[in-house]
């Protein structure tokens, strides 16, 4: 889960270096007045090969886990995103 709607200062390089995420989920409304998620955040995710999904595009994002693996689903399009 990306911090503070994917804002410019929502995370740190140190945190990303420590946890090495492969996927980020960003909760942000469509046409929000703050412009979240910030382009700099998305570019940093892209630079680190972190696949990101945003609720403004996907609607609700559901994550199911059995404790050792997980699946993500995009509500608006009704299909499996990532496993």
C-alpha atoms as a PDB file:
ATOM      1  CA  UNK A   1       0.000   0.000   0.000  1.00  0.00           C
ATOM      2  CA  UNK A   2       1.526   3.260  -1.093  1.00  0.00           C
ATOM      3  CA  UNK A   3       1.652   5.953   1.560  1.00  0.00           C
ATOM      4  CA  UNK A   4      -0.546   9.081   1.537  1.00  0.00           C
ATOM      5  CA  UNK A   5      -2.313   8.485  -1.796  1.00  0.00           C
ATOM      6  CA  UNK A   6       0.999   8.322  -3.688  1.00  0.00           C
ATOM      7  CA  UNK A   7       1.917  11.920  -2.864  1.00  0.00           C
ATOM      8  CA  UNK A   8       5.373  13.285  -3.662  1.00  0.00           C
ATOM      9  CA  UNK A   9       6.613  12.806  -0.100  1.00  0.00           C
ATOM     10  CA  UNK A  10       4.695   9.630   0.698  1.00  0.00           C
ATOM     11  CA  UNK A  11       7.660   7.310   0.925  1.00  0.00           C
ATOM     12  CA  UNK A  12      11.408   7.234   1.085  1.00  0.00           C
ATOM     13  CA  UNK A  13      14.206   5.643  -0.892  1.00  0.00           C
ATOM     14  CA  UNK A  14      15.413   3.979   2.296  1.00  0.00           C
ATOM     15  CA  UNK A  15      12.066   2.291   2.892  1.00  0.00           C
ATOM     16  CA  UNK A  16      11.885   1.069  -0.714  1.00  0.00           C
ATOM     17  CA  UNK A  17      15.494  -0.161  -0.453  1.00  0.00           C
ATOM     18  CA  UNK A  18      14.661  -2.154   2.677  1.00  0.00           C
ATOM     19  CA  UNK A  19      11.373  -3.761   1.656  1.00  0.00           C
ATOM     20  CA  UNK A  20      11.946  -4.186  -2.119  1.00  0.00           C
ATOM     21  CA  UNK A  21       8.267  -4.139  -3.088  1.00  0.00           C
ATOM     22  CA  UNK A  22       7.218  -5.625  -6.412  1.00  0.00           C
ATOM     23  CA  UNK A  23       3.708  -4.145  -6.429  1.00  0.00           C
ATOM     24  CA  UNK A  24       2.188  -0.946  -5.025  1.00  0.00           C
ATOM     25  CA  UNK A  25      -1.491  -0.168  -4.550  1.00  0.00           C
ATOM     26  CA  UNK A  26      -2.338   3.530  -4.489  1.00  0.00           C
ATOM     27  CA  UNK A  27      -5.643   4.733  -3.087  1.00  0.00           C
ATOM     28  CA  UNK A  28      -6.584   7.999  -4.820  1.00  0.00           C
ATOM     29  CA  UNK A  29      -9.820   9.389  -6.191  1.00  0.00           C
ATOM     30  CA  UNK A  30     -10.317  10.308  -9.823  1.00  0.00           C
ATOM     31  CA  UNK A  31      -9.603  13.998 -10.538  1.00  0.00           C
ATOM     32  CA  UNK A  32      -8.714  14.690  -6.914  1.00  0.00           C
ATOM     33  CA  UNK A  33      -7.715  18.290  -6.204  1.00  0.00           C
ATOM     34  CA  UNK A  34      -4.229  17.345  -5.008  1.00  0.00           C
ATOM     35  CA  UNK A  35      -3.217  15.538  -8.183  1.00  0.00           C
ATOM     36  CA  UNK A  36      -2.503  12.253  -6.400  1.00  0.00           C
ATOM     37  CA  UNK A  37      -0.720  10.102  -7.217  1.00  0.00           C
ATOM     38  CA  UNK A  38       2.257  12.362  -7.923  1.00  0.00           C
ATOM     39  CA  UNK A  39       4.175  11.784 -11.147  1.00  0.00           C
ATOM     40  CA  UNK A  40       7.474  11.661  -9.230  1.00  0.00           C
ATOM     41  CA  UNK A  41       6.168   8.769  -7.125  1.00  0.00           C
ATOM     42  CA  UNK A  42       5.015   6.860 -10.194  1.00  0.00           C
ATOM     43  CA  UNK A  43       8.338   7.470 -11.948  1.00  0.00           C
ATOM     44  CA  UNK A  44      10.212   6.164  -8.895  1.00  0.00           C
ATOM     45  CA  UNK A  45       8.068   3.025  -8.879  1.00  0.00           C
ATOM     46  CA  UNK A  46       8.699   2.570 -12.603  1.00  0.00           C
ATOM     47  CA  UNK A  47      12.452   3.091 -12.115  1.00  0.00           C
ATOM     48  CA  UNK A  48      12.478   0.349  -9.486  1.00  0.00           C
ATOM     49  CA  UNK A  49      10.278  -1.985 -11.585  1.00  0.00           C
ATOM     50  CA  UNK A  50       7.473  -1.758  -9.029  1.00  0.00           C
ATOM     51  CA  UNK A  51       4.164  -2.442 -10.736  1.00  0.00           C
ATOM     52  CA  UNK A  52       1.608   0.006  -9.446  1.00  0.00           C
ATOM     53  CA  UNK A  53      -2.170   0.084  -9.522  1.00  0.00           C
ATOM     54  CA  UNK A  54      -4.347   3.029  -8.573  1.00  0.00           C
ATOM     55  CA  UNK A  55      -7.955   2.947  -7.421  1.00  0.00           C
ATOM     56  CA  UNK A  56      -8.761   6.014  -9.554  1.00  0.00           C
ATOM     57  CA  UNK A  57      -8.183   3.792 -12.598  1.00  0.00           C
ATOM     58  CA  UNK A  58      -9.052   0.350 -11.246  1.00  0.00           C
ATOM     59  CA  UNK A  59     -11.823   1.025  -8.776  1.00  0.00           C
ATOM     60  CA  UNK A  60     -11.568  -1.245  -5.756  1.00  0.00           C
ATOM     61  CA  UNK A  61      -8.550  -3.512  -5.720  1.00  0.00           C
ATOM     62  CA  UNK A  62      -9.020  -6.791  -3.875  1.00  0.00           C
ATOM     63  CA  UNK A  63      -6.105  -8.785  -2.533  1.00  0.00           C
ATOM     64  CA  UNK A  64      -6.545 -12.416  -1.512  1.00  0.00           C
ATOM     65  CA  UNK A  65      -3.838 -14.354   0.304  1.00  0.00           C
ATOM     66  CA  UNK A  66      -3.340 -17.826   1.700  1.00  0.00           C
ATOM     67  CA  UNK A  67      -0.417 -16.629   3.815  1.00  0.00           C
ATOM     68  CA  UNK A  68       2.294 -17.529   1.350  1.00  0.00           C
ATOM     69  CA  UNK A  69       1.009 -16.194  -1.966  1.00  0.00           C
ATOM     70  CA  UNK A  70      -1.532 -13.630  -3.081  1.00  0.00           C
ATOM     71  CA  UNK A  71      -3.774 -12.586  -5.953  1.00  0.00           C
ATOM     72  CA  UNK A  72      -5.010  -9.127  -6.857  1.00  0.00           C
ATOM     73  CA  UNK A  73      -8.213  -8.285  -8.697  1.00  0.00           C
ATOM     74  CA  UNK A  74      -9.265  -5.055 -10.387  1.00  0.00           C
ATOM     75  CA  UNK A  75     -12.917  -4.304  -9.664  1.00  0.00           C
ATOM     76  CA  UNK A  76     -13.752  -2.067 -12.666  1.00  0.00           C
ATOM     77  CA  UNK A  77     -12.511  -4.527 -15.228  1.00  0.00           C
ATOM     78  CA  UNK A  78     -13.314  -7.652 -13.246  1.00  0.00           C
ATOM     79  CA  UNK A  79     -10.108  -9.496 -13.928  1.00  0.00           C
ATOM     80  CA  UNK A  80      -7.058 -10.914 -12.190  1.00  0.00           C
ATOM     81  CA  UNK A  81      -4.130  -8.492 -12.074  1.00  0.00           C
ATOM     82  CA  UNK A  82      -1.198 -10.181 -10.434  1.00  0.00           C
ATOM     83  CA  UNK A  83      -0.204 -13.399  -8.759  1.00  0.00           C
END
